[in-house]
């Protein structure tokens, strides 16, 4: 029998459409607690989790749909697909970086300001990405589905404004709910194609 953590990793899929069934607040709390336990640079935990439901979720759907019209076809299609995923989900979780790590790091390290900013900006993104992965795995472990809508980075300033968050690094918007059907995962590259061994 497989290790339970490895089984959850294997079972995780990107779920884009959800059943018309609410997710208990207790389960949302559980996946947010998992996200909040992610490793973070200098333990700054420079992330914020924004739980979106109801009218605010509808406003996000409208925003993404309207912005889709301003982009060429391929991008527009992905934005429209993202808006449908958001509309389908009973709850959406947005993750925004707070900039606290950047501020802390540039004070702590007396190096070139631009280099320092790039360094800590990257570490802040890495930290929040780890939180997102924890969230996705925790959702899977509870029988929930979720998807990381990376395409929304194109309209991050608009999304942050809608969520009444300051402009800055934006990390993810993740619709969460119960999958409409059992997902079939995509084929992955065989491990040998992505390993480089050195001694």
N, C-alpha and C. Protein backbone atom coordinates (compact mmCIF):
# COMPACT_ATOMS: atom_id res chain seq x y z
N UNK A 1 0.84 -1.19 0.00
CA UNK A 1 0.00 0.00 0.00
C UNK A 1 0.88 1.26 0.00
N UNK A 2 0.44 2.25 -0.79
CA UNK A 2 1.23 3.48 -0.92
C UNK A 2 1.12 4.34 0.33
N UNK A 3 2.18 5.08 0.59
CA UNK A 3 2.15 6.14 1.59
C UNK A 3 0.97 7.08 1.27
N UNK A 4 0.21 7.50 2.28
CA UNK A 4 -1.00 8.30 2.06
C UNK A 4 -0.70 9.64 1.39
N UNK A 5 0.40 10.27 1.76
CA UNK A 5 0.76 11.55 1.14
C UNK A 5 1.03 11.36 -0.35
N UNK A 6 1.78 10.31 -0.68
CA UNK A 6 2.08 10.04 -2.09
C UNK A 6 0.80 9.70 -2.87
N UNK A 7 -0.15 9.04 -2.22
CA UNK A 7 -1.42 8.72 -2.87
C UNK A 7 -2.21 9.98 -3.18
N UNK A 8 -2.22 10.93 -2.25
CA UNK A 8 -2.92 12.20 -2.49
C UNK A 8 -2.26 12.96 -3.63
N UNK A 9 -0.93 12.97 -3.66
CA UNK A 9 -0.21 13.64 -4.76
C UNK A 9 -0.58 13.01 -6.10
N UNK A 10 -0.66 11.68 -6.11
CA UNK A 10 -1.00 10.99 -7.36
C UNK A 10 -2.45 11.27 -7.78
N UNK A 11 -3.33 11.43 -6.81
CA UNK A 11 -4.76 11.63 -7.11
C UNK A 11 -5.10 13.06 -7.49
N UNK A 12 -4.24 14.03 -7.17
CA UNK A 12 -4.58 15.43 -7.43
C UNK A 12 -4.75 15.70 -8.91
N UNK A 13 -5.82 16.39 -9.25
CA UNK A 13 -6.10 16.78 -10.63
C UNK A 13 -6.57 18.24 -10.64
N UNK A 14 -6.44 18.89 -11.78
CA UNK A 14 -7.00 20.23 -11.94
C UNK A 14 -8.48 20.07 -12.31
N UNK A 15 -9.36 20.50 -11.40
CA UNK A 15 -10.80 20.37 -11.58
C UNK A 15 -11.36 21.74 -11.94
N UNK A 16 -12.04 21.81 -13.09
CA UNK A 16 -12.51 23.11 -13.58
C UNK A 16 -14.02 23.30 -13.47
N UNK A 17 -14.76 22.22 -13.23
CA UNK A 17 -16.22 22.34 -13.12
C UNK A 17 -16.70 21.56 -11.91
N UNK A 18 -17.68 22.14 -11.21
CA UNK A 18 -18.04 21.66 -9.89
C UNK A 18 -19.53 21.39 -9.77
N UNK A 19 -19.85 20.47 -8.87
CA UNK A 19 -21.24 20.15 -8.57
C UNK A 19 -21.90 21.31 -7.84
N UNK A 20 -23.22 21.41 -7.99
CA UNK A 20 -23.98 22.48 -7.31
C UNK A 20 -24.19 22.06 -5.85
N UNK A 21 -23.13 22.13 -5.10
CA UNK A 21 -23.13 21.68 -3.71
C UNK A 21 -22.15 22.54 -2.93
N UNK A 22 -22.60 23.07 -1.82
CA UNK A 22 -21.74 23.97 -1.06
C UNK A 22 -20.62 23.19 -0.36
N UNK A 23 -19.53 23.88 -0.08
CA UNK A 23 -18.42 23.30 0.67
C UNK A 23 -18.52 23.82 2.11
N UNK A 24 -18.58 22.93 3.10
CA UNK A 24 -18.67 23.39 4.49
C UNK A 24 -17.50 24.31 4.85
N UNK A 25 -17.80 25.32 5.63
CA UNK A 25 -16.76 26.27 6.05
C UNK A 25 -15.63 25.57 6.80
N UNK A 26 -15.97 24.51 7.51
CA UNK A 26 -14.96 23.75 8.25
C UNK A 26 -13.90 23.18 7.30
N UNK A 27 -14.34 22.71 6.14
CA UNK A 27 -13.39 22.14 5.18
C UNK A 27 -12.55 23.22 4.52
N UNK A 28 -13.14 24.39 4.26
CA UNK A 28 -12.36 25.51 3.74
C UNK A 28 -11.30 25.90 4.76
N UNK A 29 -11.69 25.94 6.02
CA UNK A 29 -10.74 26.26 7.09
C UNK A 29 -9.59 25.24 7.12
N UNK A 30 -9.92 23.96 6.93
CA UNK A 30 -8.91 22.90 6.95
C UNK A 30 -7.89 23.09 5.84
N UNK A 31 -8.37 23.40 4.62
CA UNK A 31 -7.41 23.54 3.52
C UNK A 31 -6.60 24.83 3.66
N UNK A 32 -7.19 25.87 4.27
CA UNK A 32 -6.42 27.10 4.51
C UNK A 32 -5.37 26.89 5.60
N UNK A 33 -5.69 26.08 6.59
CA UNK A 33 -4.69 25.77 7.62
C UNK A 33 -3.51 25.02 7.00
N UNK A 34 -3.81 24.11 6.08
CA UNK A 34 -2.74 23.38 5.38
C UNK A 34 -1.88 24.34 4.56
N UNK A 35 -2.54 25.27 3.86
CA UNK A 35 -1.81 26.26 3.07
C UNK A 35 -0.90 27.10 3.95
N UNK A 36 -1.41 27.48 5.10
CA UNK A 36 -0.68 28.36 6.01
C UNK A 36 0.52 27.67 6.67
N UNK A 37 0.58 26.34 6.58
CA UNK A 37 1.70 25.59 7.14
C UNK A 37 2.84 25.39 6.14
N UNK A 38 2.70 25.97 4.95
CA UNK A 38 3.74 25.82 3.91
C UNK A 38 5.04 26.48 4.37
N UNK A 39 6.17 25.98 3.86
CA UNK A 39 7.43 26.67 4.15
C UNK A 39 7.44 28.05 3.51
N UNK A 40 8.07 29.00 4.19
CA UNK A 40 8.17 30.35 3.62
C UNK A 40 9.53 30.94 3.97
N UNK A 41 10.06 31.71 3.04
CA UNK A 41 11.39 32.30 3.24
C UNK A 41 11.39 33.19 4.47
N UNK A 42 12.41 33.00 5.32
CA UNK A 42 12.56 33.75 6.57
C UNK A 42 11.32 33.63 7.47
N UNK A 43 10.51 32.60 7.21
CA UNK A 43 9.26 32.37 7.94
C UNK A 43 8.37 33.62 7.98
N UNK A 44 8.41 34.40 6.91
CA UNK A 44 7.62 35.64 6.88
C UNK A 44 6.14 35.38 6.61
N UNK A 45 5.83 34.23 5.95
CA UNK A 45 4.44 33.89 5.64
C UNK A 45 3.74 35.09 5.00
N UNK A 46 4.40 35.64 3.99
CA UNK A 46 3.91 36.90 3.40
C UNK A 46 2.85 36.62 2.33
N UNK A 47 1.78 35.98 2.79
CA UNK A 47 0.64 35.67 1.93
C UNK A 47 -0.64 36.08 2.65
N UNK A 48 -1.68 36.26 1.85
CA UNK A 48 -3.01 36.51 2.40
C UNK A 48 -3.98 35.63 1.62
N UNK A 49 -4.88 34.97 2.34
CA UNK A 49 -5.89 34.10 1.73
C UNK A 49 -7.24 34.83 1.76
N UNK A 50 -7.83 35.02 0.60
CA UNK A 50 -9.09 35.76 0.48
C UNK A 50 -10.17 34.77 0.01
N UNK A 51 -11.15 34.53 0.86
CA UNK A 51 -12.22 33.58 0.56
C UNK A 51 -13.38 34.35 -0.07
N UNK A 52 -13.77 33.93 -1.28
CA UNK A 52 -14.73 34.68 -2.08
C UNK A 52 -15.97 33.83 -2.35
N UNK A 53 -17.12 34.40 -2.02
CA UNK A 53 -18.40 33.74 -2.27
C UNK A 53 -19.41 34.79 -2.75
N UNK A 54 -20.60 34.32 -3.10
CA UNK A 54 -21.74 35.20 -3.33
C UNK A 54 -21.52 36.30 -4.35
N UNK A 55 -21.92 37.52 -3.98
CA UNK A 55 -21.89 38.65 -4.92
C UNK A 55 -20.46 38.99 -5.35
N UNK A 56 -19.51 38.85 -4.44
CA UNK A 56 -18.11 39.17 -4.80
C UNK A 56 -17.60 38.16 -5.83
N UNK A 57 -18.00 36.90 -5.68
CA UNK A 57 -17.61 35.89 -6.67
C UNK A 57 -18.25 36.21 -8.02
N UNK A 58 -19.51 36.61 -8.01
CA UNK A 58 -20.19 36.99 -9.26
C UNK A 58 -19.48 38.17 -9.92
N UNK A 59 -19.03 39.11 -9.10
CA UNK A 59 -18.31 40.28 -9.65
C UNK A 59 -16.99 39.85 -10.28
N UNK A 60 -16.33 38.87 -9.68
CA UNK A 60 -15.08 38.35 -10.25
C UNK A 60 -15.35 37.66 -11.58
N UNK A 61 -16.43 36.90 -11.67
CA UNK A 61 -16.81 36.26 -12.94
C UNK A 61 -17.02 37.32 -14.01
N UNK A 62 -17.76 38.37 -13.67
CA UNK A 62 -18.03 39.45 -14.64
C UNK A 62 -16.75 40.14 -15.07
N UNK A 63 -15.84 40.39 -14.11
CA UNK A 63 -14.57 41.04 -14.42
C UNK A 63 -13.76 40.21 -15.41
N UNK A 64 -13.60 38.93 -15.11
CA UNK A 64 -12.78 38.07 -15.97
C UNK A 64 -13.41 37.95 -17.36
N UNK A 65 -14.73 37.80 -17.42
CA UNK A 65 -15.42 37.70 -18.72
C UNK A 65 -15.24 38.97 -19.55
N UNK A 66 -15.38 40.12 -18.90
CA UNK A 66 -15.25 41.38 -19.65
C UNK A 66 -13.82 41.61 -20.12
N UNK A 67 -12.84 41.25 -19.29
CA UNK A 67 -11.44 41.43 -19.68
C UNK A 67 -11.05 40.48 -20.81
N UNK A 68 -11.70 39.33 -20.89
CA UNK A 68 -11.39 38.35 -21.93
C UNK A 68 -11.56 38.94 -23.33
N UNK A 69 -12.50 39.86 -23.46
CA UNK A 69 -12.78 40.46 -24.77
C UNK A 69 -11.66 41.35 -25.27
N UNK A 70 -10.75 41.74 -24.39
CA UNK A 70 -9.67 42.65 -24.76
C UNK A 70 -8.42 41.92 -25.25
N UNK A 71 -8.45 40.59 -25.27
CA UNK A 71 -7.26 39.81 -25.62
C UNK A 71 -7.47 39.02 -26.91
N UNK A 72 -6.38 38.64 -27.57
CA UNK A 72 -6.49 37.81 -28.76
C UNK A 72 -7.12 36.45 -28.42
N UNK A 73 -7.50 35.74 -29.46
CA UNK A 73 -8.34 34.55 -29.31
C UNK A 73 -7.82 33.54 -28.29
N UNK A 74 -6.59 33.08 -28.39
CA UNK A 74 -6.10 32.01 -27.49
C UNK A 74 -6.18 32.44 -26.03
N UNK A 75 -5.76 33.66 -25.74
CA UNK A 75 -5.81 34.18 -24.37
C UNK A 75 -7.24 34.39 -23.93
N UNK A 76 -8.05 34.91 -24.83
CA UNK A 76 -9.46 35.16 -24.53
C UNK A 76 -10.19 33.87 -24.16
N UNK A 77 -9.90 32.81 -24.88
CA UNK A 77 -10.52 31.50 -24.60
C UNK A 77 -10.17 31.03 -23.20
N UNK A 78 -8.90 31.16 -22.82
CA UNK A 78 -8.47 30.72 -21.48
C UNK A 78 -9.10 31.56 -20.39
N UNK A 79 -9.23 32.87 -20.62
CA UNK A 79 -9.87 33.73 -19.62
C UNK A 79 -11.36 33.40 -19.49
N UNK A 80 -12.02 33.12 -20.60
CA UNK A 80 -13.44 32.74 -20.53
C UNK A 80 -13.61 31.40 -19.81
N UNK A 81 -12.70 30.46 -20.07
CA UNK A 81 -12.74 29.18 -19.36
C UNK A 81 -12.54 29.40 -17.86
N UNK A 82 -11.63 30.30 -17.50
CA UNK A 82 -11.41 30.62 -16.09
C UNK A 82 -12.66 31.21 -15.46
N UNK A 83 -13.35 32.09 -16.19
CA UNK A 83 -14.56 32.71 -15.63
C UNK A 83 -15.64 31.66 -15.42
N UNK A 84 -15.73 30.67 -16.31
CA UNK A 84 -16.72 29.59 -16.13
C UNK A 84 -16.38 28.72 -14.93
N UNK A 85 -15.09 28.47 -14.72
CA UNK A 85 -14.67 27.70 -13.54
C UNK A 85 -15.03 28.43 -12.25
N UNK A 86 -14.78 29.73 -12.23
CA UNK A 86 -15.11 30.54 -11.05
C UNK A 86 -16.63 30.51 -10.81
N UNK A 87 -17.41 30.67 -11.89
CA UNK A 87 -18.87 30.67 -11.76
C UNK A 87 -19.39 29.33 -11.24
N UNK A 88 -18.75 28.25 -11.66
CA UNK A 88 -19.19 26.90 -11.29
C UNK A 88 -18.88 26.56 -9.84
N UNK A 89 -17.84 27.15 -9.27
CA UNK A 89 -17.38 26.79 -7.92
C UNK A 89 -18.22 27.48 -6.85
N UNK A 90 -18.53 26.77 -5.76
CA UNK A 90 -19.25 27.42 -4.66
C UNK A 90 -18.40 28.41 -3.88
N UNK A 91 -17.09 28.22 -3.94
CA UNK A 91 -16.18 29.11 -3.21
C UNK A 91 -14.89 29.25 -4.01
N UNK A 92 -14.30 30.43 -3.94
CA UNK A 92 -13.03 30.71 -4.63
C UNK A 92 -12.07 31.26 -3.59
N UNK A 93 -10.83 30.79 -3.65
CA UNK A 93 -9.81 31.30 -2.74
C UNK A 93 -8.74 32.00 -3.57
N UNK A 94 -8.50 33.26 -3.24
CA UNK A 94 -7.42 34.01 -3.89
C UNK A 94 -6.26 34.10 -2.91
N UNK A 95 -5.07 34.01 -3.44
CA UNK A 95 -3.86 34.17 -2.63
C UNK A 95 -3.11 35.38 -3.18
N UNK A 96 -2.86 36.34 -2.31
CA UNK A 96 -2.11 37.54 -2.71
C UNK A 96 -0.86 37.65 -1.85
N UNK A 97 0.26 38.00 -2.46
CA UNK A 97 1.48 38.25 -1.71
C UNK A 97 1.37 39.63 -1.05
N UNK A 98 1.89 39.73 0.16
CA UNK A 98 1.75 40.99 0.91
C UNK A 98 2.92 41.95 0.73
N UNK A 99 4.06 41.44 0.24
CA UNK A 99 5.25 42.29 0.10
C UNK A 99 6.07 42.39 1.37
N UNK A 100 5.62 41.74 2.45
CA UNK A 100 6.35 41.84 3.73
C UNK A 100 7.74 41.23 3.65
N UNK A 101 7.87 40.13 2.91
CA UNK A 101 9.20 39.51 2.77
C UNK A 101 10.14 40.44 2.01
N UNK A 102 9.64 41.07 0.96
CA UNK A 102 10.46 42.00 0.18
C UNK A 102 10.94 43.14 1.07
N UNK A 103 10.02 43.68 1.85
CA UNK A 103 10.37 44.80 2.75
C UNK A 103 11.38 44.34 3.81
N UNK A 104 11.12 43.19 4.42
CA UNK A 104 12.01 42.65 5.45
C UNK A 104 13.40 42.36 4.88
N UNK A 105 13.43 41.70 3.72
CA UNK A 105 14.69 41.28 3.14
C UNK A 105 15.56 42.42 2.68
N UNK A 106 14.94 43.43 2.05
CA UNK A 106 15.75 44.55 1.55
C UNK A 106 16.33 45.37 2.70
N UNK A 107 15.65 45.36 3.87
CA UNK A 107 16.22 46.02 5.06
C UNK A 107 17.37 45.19 5.63
N UNK A 108 17.19 43.87 5.61
CA UNK A 108 18.15 42.96 6.26
C UNK A 108 19.45 42.84 5.47
N UNK A 109 19.35 42.77 4.14
CA UNK A 109 20.52 42.53 3.29
C UNK A 109 20.96 43.84 2.64
N UNK A 110 22.12 44.27 2.96
CA UNK A 110 22.65 45.53 2.42
C UNK A 110 23.36 45.27 1.08
N UNK A 111 22.55 44.94 0.07
CA UNK A 111 23.09 44.74 -1.29
C UNK A 111 22.34 45.67 -2.23
N UNK A 112 22.76 45.66 -3.49
CA UNK A 112 22.12 46.50 -4.50
C UNK A 112 20.60 46.39 -4.39
N UNK A 113 19.92 47.53 -4.37
CA UNK A 113 18.48 47.55 -4.10
C UNK A 113 17.68 46.75 -5.13
N UNK A 114 18.05 46.89 -6.40
CA UNK A 114 17.33 46.16 -7.45
C UNK A 114 17.55 44.66 -7.31
N UNK A 115 18.80 44.26 -7.04
CA UNK A 115 19.11 42.85 -6.86
C UNK A 115 18.38 42.28 -5.65
N UNK A 116 18.37 43.05 -4.58
CA UNK A 116 17.68 42.64 -3.36
C UNK A 116 16.19 42.47 -3.61
N UNK A 117 15.60 43.44 -4.31
CA UNK A 117 14.16 43.37 -4.62
C UNK A 117 13.84 42.12 -5.43
N UNK A 118 14.60 41.88 -6.49
CA UNK A 118 14.36 40.69 -7.34
C UNK A 118 14.50 39.40 -6.55
N UNK A 119 15.53 39.36 -5.69
CA UNK A 119 15.79 38.16 -4.89
C UNK A 119 14.62 37.85 -3.96
N UNK A 120 14.17 38.86 -3.22
CA UNK A 120 13.11 38.61 -2.24
C UNK A 120 11.73 38.51 -2.89
N UNK A 121 11.55 39.18 -4.01
CA UNK A 121 10.30 39.02 -4.77
C UNK A 121 10.17 37.56 -5.22
N UNK A 122 11.27 37.00 -5.74
CA UNK A 122 11.26 35.60 -6.18
C UNK A 122 10.97 34.67 -5.01
N UNK A 123 11.60 34.93 -3.87
CA UNK A 123 11.37 34.07 -2.71
C UNK A 123 9.94 34.19 -2.19
N UNK A 124 9.36 35.38 -2.31
CA UNK A 124 7.98 35.55 -1.88
C UNK A 124 7.04 34.76 -2.79
N UNK A 125 7.29 34.78 -4.08
CA UNK A 125 6.50 34.00 -5.02
C UNK A 125 6.65 32.51 -4.73
N UNK A 126 7.89 32.06 -4.51
CA UNK A 126 8.12 30.65 -4.20
C UNK A 126 7.37 30.22 -2.94
N UNK A 127 7.39 31.07 -1.93
CA UNK A 127 6.70 30.75 -0.67
C UNK A 127 5.20 30.60 -0.89
N UNK A 128 4.61 31.56 -1.61
CA UNK A 128 3.17 31.49 -1.86
C UNK A 128 2.81 30.31 -2.75
N UNK A 129 3.69 29.97 -3.69
CA UNK A 129 3.44 28.80 -4.54
C UNK A 129 3.40 27.52 -3.70
N UNK A 130 4.28 27.44 -2.69
CA UNK A 130 4.26 26.28 -1.79
C UNK A 130 2.93 26.24 -1.02
N UNK A 131 2.42 27.39 -0.60
CA UNK A 131 1.13 27.44 0.09
C UNK A 131 0.00 26.98 -0.82
N UNK A 132 0.05 27.39 -2.09
CA UNK A 132 -0.97 26.97 -3.05
C UNK A 132 -0.94 25.45 -3.22
N UNK A 133 0.24 24.88 -3.36
CA UNK A 133 0.33 23.42 -3.52
C UNK A 133 -0.22 22.70 -2.30
N UNK A 134 0.10 23.19 -1.10
CA UNK A 134 -0.48 22.59 0.11
C UNK A 134 -2.00 22.64 0.06
N UNK A 135 -2.53 23.78 -0.38
CA UNK A 135 -3.98 23.95 -0.47
C UNK A 135 -4.59 22.92 -1.44
N UNK A 136 -3.97 22.79 -2.61
CA UNK A 136 -4.48 21.86 -3.62
C UNK A 136 -4.46 20.41 -3.13
N UNK A 137 -3.38 20.04 -2.44
CA UNK A 137 -3.28 18.67 -1.93
C UNK A 137 -4.26 18.43 -0.79
N UNK A 138 -4.43 19.42 0.08
CA UNK A 138 -5.39 19.27 1.17
C UNK A 138 -6.81 19.14 0.62
N UNK A 139 -7.14 19.93 -0.40
CA UNK A 139 -8.46 19.83 -1.03
C UNK A 139 -8.68 18.41 -1.58
N UNK A 140 -7.69 17.89 -2.28
CA UNK A 140 -7.78 16.53 -2.82
C UNK A 140 -8.01 15.51 -1.72
N UNK A 141 -7.30 15.66 -0.61
CA UNK A 141 -7.40 14.70 0.49
C UNK A 141 -8.80 14.68 1.10
N UNK A 142 -9.55 15.78 0.96
CA UNK A 142 -10.91 15.87 1.51
C UNK A 142 -11.99 15.53 0.49
N UNK A 143 -11.57 15.10 -0.72
CA UNK A 143 -12.53 14.78 -1.76
C UNK A 143 -13.02 15.99 -2.53
N UNK A 144 -12.35 17.12 -2.34
CA UNK A 144 -12.69 18.34 -3.07
C UNK A 144 -11.85 18.44 -4.34
N UNK A 145 -12.31 19.26 -5.26
CA UNK A 145 -11.54 19.57 -6.46
C UNK A 145 -11.14 21.04 -6.43
N UNK A 146 -10.09 21.36 -7.14
CA UNK A 146 -9.61 22.75 -7.22
C UNK A 146 -8.75 22.90 -8.46
N UNK A 147 -8.57 24.14 -8.88
CA UNK A 147 -7.68 24.42 -10.01
C UNK A 147 -7.01 25.77 -9.79
N UNK A 148 -5.74 25.84 -10.12
CA UNK A 148 -4.96 27.07 -10.03
C UNK A 148 -5.10 27.80 -11.37
N UNK A 149 -5.79 28.94 -11.36
CA UNK A 149 -6.05 29.69 -12.60
C UNK A 149 -4.92 30.69 -12.86
N UNK A 150 -3.83 30.19 -13.37
CA UNK A 150 -2.65 31.03 -13.61
C UNK A 150 -2.87 32.13 -14.62
N UNK A 151 -3.82 31.95 -15.54
CA UNK A 151 -4.07 32.94 -16.58
C UNK A 151 -4.47 34.30 -16.01
N UNK A 152 -5.00 34.31 -14.79
CA UNK A 152 -5.48 35.57 -14.21
C UNK A 152 -4.34 36.52 -13.84
N UNK A 153 -3.10 36.04 -13.91
CA UNK A 153 -1.97 36.93 -13.67
C UNK A 153 -1.97 38.07 -14.69
N UNK A 154 -2.57 37.82 -15.86
CA UNK A 154 -2.63 38.86 -16.90
C UNK A 154 -3.47 40.05 -16.47
N UNK A 155 -4.41 39.82 -15.57
CA UNK A 155 -5.28 40.92 -15.14
C UNK A 155 -5.18 41.09 -13.61
N UNK A 156 -3.98 40.84 -13.09
CA UNK A 156 -3.81 40.83 -11.63
C UNK A 156 -4.16 42.16 -10.98
N UNK A 157 -3.83 43.27 -11.61
CA UNK A 157 -4.12 44.56 -10.99
C UNK A 157 -5.63 44.76 -10.86
N UNK A 158 -6.38 44.33 -11.87
CA UNK A 158 -7.84 44.44 -11.82
C UNK A 158 -8.42 43.53 -10.75
N UNK A 159 -7.88 42.31 -10.65
CA UNK A 159 -8.36 41.37 -9.64
C UNK A 159 -8.06 41.90 -8.24
N UNK A 160 -6.84 42.38 -8.02
CA UNK A 160 -6.48 42.92 -6.71
C UNK A 160 -7.37 44.11 -6.34
N UNK A 161 -7.66 44.96 -7.32
CA UNK A 161 -8.54 46.11 -7.06
C UNK A 161 -9.93 45.63 -6.65
N UNK A 162 -10.46 44.65 -7.35
CA UNK A 162 -11.78 44.10 -7.01
C UNK A 162 -11.79 43.54 -5.59
N UNK A 163 -10.68 42.90 -5.21
CA UNK A 163 -10.59 42.28 -3.89
C UNK A 163 -10.15 43.27 -2.80
N UNK A 164 -10.02 44.54 -3.19
CA UNK A 164 -9.64 45.60 -2.26
C UNK A 164 -8.30 45.31 -1.59
N UNK A 165 -7.37 44.82 -2.42
CA UNK A 165 -6.00 44.55 -1.98
C UNK A 165 -5.07 45.53 -2.67
N UNK A 166 -3.96 45.91 -2.02
CA UNK A 166 -3.02 46.84 -2.64
C UNK A 166 -2.36 46.22 -3.87
N UNK A 167 -1.99 47.07 -4.81
CA UNK A 167 -1.28 46.58 -5.99
C UNK A 167 0.03 45.94 -5.57
N UNK A 168 0.43 44.91 -6.25
CA UNK A 168 1.66 44.21 -5.92
C UNK A 168 1.66 42.85 -6.54
N UNK A 169 2.47 41.97 -5.98
CA UNK A 169 2.52 40.61 -6.52
C UNK A 169 1.21 39.90 -6.20
N UNK A 170 0.71 39.22 -7.21
CA UNK A 170 -0.53 38.47 -7.09
C UNK A 170 -0.17 37.03 -7.37
N UNK A 171 -0.74 36.12 -6.65
CA UNK A 171 -0.30 34.74 -6.76
C UNK A 171 -1.26 33.82 -7.48
N UNK A 172 -2.50 33.72 -7.02
CA UNK A 172 -3.39 32.70 -7.58
C UNK A 172 -4.85 32.98 -7.27
N UNK A 173 -5.70 32.48 -8.14
CA UNK A 173 -7.13 32.38 -7.87
C UNK A 173 -7.49 30.91 -8.06
N UNK A 174 -8.13 30.33 -7.01
CA UNK A 174 -8.38 28.89 -7.01
C UNK A 174 -9.85 28.61 -6.71
N UNK A 175 -10.65 28.24 -7.73
CA UNK A 175 -12.00 27.76 -7.47
C UNK A 175 -11.94 26.42 -6.73
N UNK A 176 -12.84 26.23 -5.77
CA UNK A 176 -12.87 25.00 -4.97
C UNK A 176 -14.30 24.49 -4.88
N UNK A 177 -14.46 23.18 -5.02
CA UNK A 177 -15.79 22.58 -4.89
C UNK A 177 -15.70 21.08 -5.05
N UNK A 178 -16.85 20.45 -5.16
CA UNK A 178 -16.89 19.00 -5.39
C UNK A 178 -16.90 18.75 -6.89
N UNK A 179 -16.02 17.88 -7.39
CA UNK A 179 -15.96 17.63 -8.83
C UNK A 179 -17.27 17.10 -9.38
N UNK A 180 -17.62 17.55 -10.59
CA UNK A 180 -18.82 17.04 -11.27
C UNK A 180 -18.64 15.57 -11.60
N UNK A 181 -17.44 15.19 -12.02
CA UNK A 181 -17.16 13.78 -12.35
C UNK A 181 -15.74 13.44 -11.95
N UNK A 182 -15.49 12.14 -11.86
CA UNK A 182 -14.14 11.68 -11.51
C UNK A 182 -13.18 12.09 -12.62
N UNK A 183 -12.11 12.80 -12.27
CA UNK A 183 -11.20 13.31 -13.29
C UNK A 183 -10.23 12.25 -13.80
N UNK A 184 -9.84 12.41 -15.05
CA UNK A 184 -8.78 11.58 -15.63
C UNK A 184 -7.57 12.48 -15.79
N UNK A 185 -6.46 12.07 -15.25
CA UNK A 185 -5.26 12.91 -15.27
C UNK A 185 -4.57 12.91 -16.62
N UNK A 186 -3.84 13.97 -16.93
CA UNK A 186 -3.08 14.02 -18.18
C UNK A 186 -1.85 13.13 -18.09
N UNK A 187 -1.33 12.75 -19.24
CA UNK A 187 -0.08 11.99 -19.26
C UNK A 187 1.06 12.90 -18.83
N UNK A 188 1.94 12.36 -18.02
CA UNK A 188 3.12 13.10 -17.58
C UNK A 188 4.35 12.54 -18.30
N UNK A 189 5.36 13.37 -18.42
CA UNK A 189 6.62 12.89 -18.98
C UNK A 189 7.17 11.79 -18.08
N UNK A 190 7.82 10.80 -18.71
CA UNK A 190 8.43 9.77 -17.87
C UNK A 190 9.60 10.40 -17.12
N UNK A 191 9.83 9.90 -15.93
CA UNK A 191 10.80 10.53 -15.02
C UNK A 191 12.18 10.67 -15.64
N UNK A 192 12.59 9.68 -16.42
CA UNK A 192 13.93 9.70 -17.02
C UNK A 192 14.13 10.92 -17.93
N UNK A 193 13.03 11.48 -18.46
CA UNK A 193 13.13 12.63 -19.36
C UNK A 193 13.45 13.92 -18.61
N UNK A 194 13.22 13.94 -17.30
CA UNK A 194 13.37 15.19 -16.56
C UNK A 194 14.40 15.10 -15.45
N UNK A 195 15.16 14.02 -15.43
CA UNK A 195 16.20 13.87 -14.41
C UNK A 195 17.57 14.07 -15.04
N UNK A 196 18.40 14.81 -14.34
CA UNK A 196 19.82 14.92 -14.70
C UNK A 196 20.61 14.56 -13.47
N UNK A 197 21.40 13.51 -13.56
CA UNK A 197 22.18 13.06 -12.41
C UNK A 197 23.63 13.47 -12.58
N UNK A 198 24.23 13.96 -11.51
CA UNK A 198 25.63 14.39 -11.54
C UNK A 198 26.32 13.89 -10.28
N UNK A 199 27.58 13.59 -10.43
CA UNK A 199 28.39 13.13 -9.27
C UNK A 199 29.69 13.90 -9.24
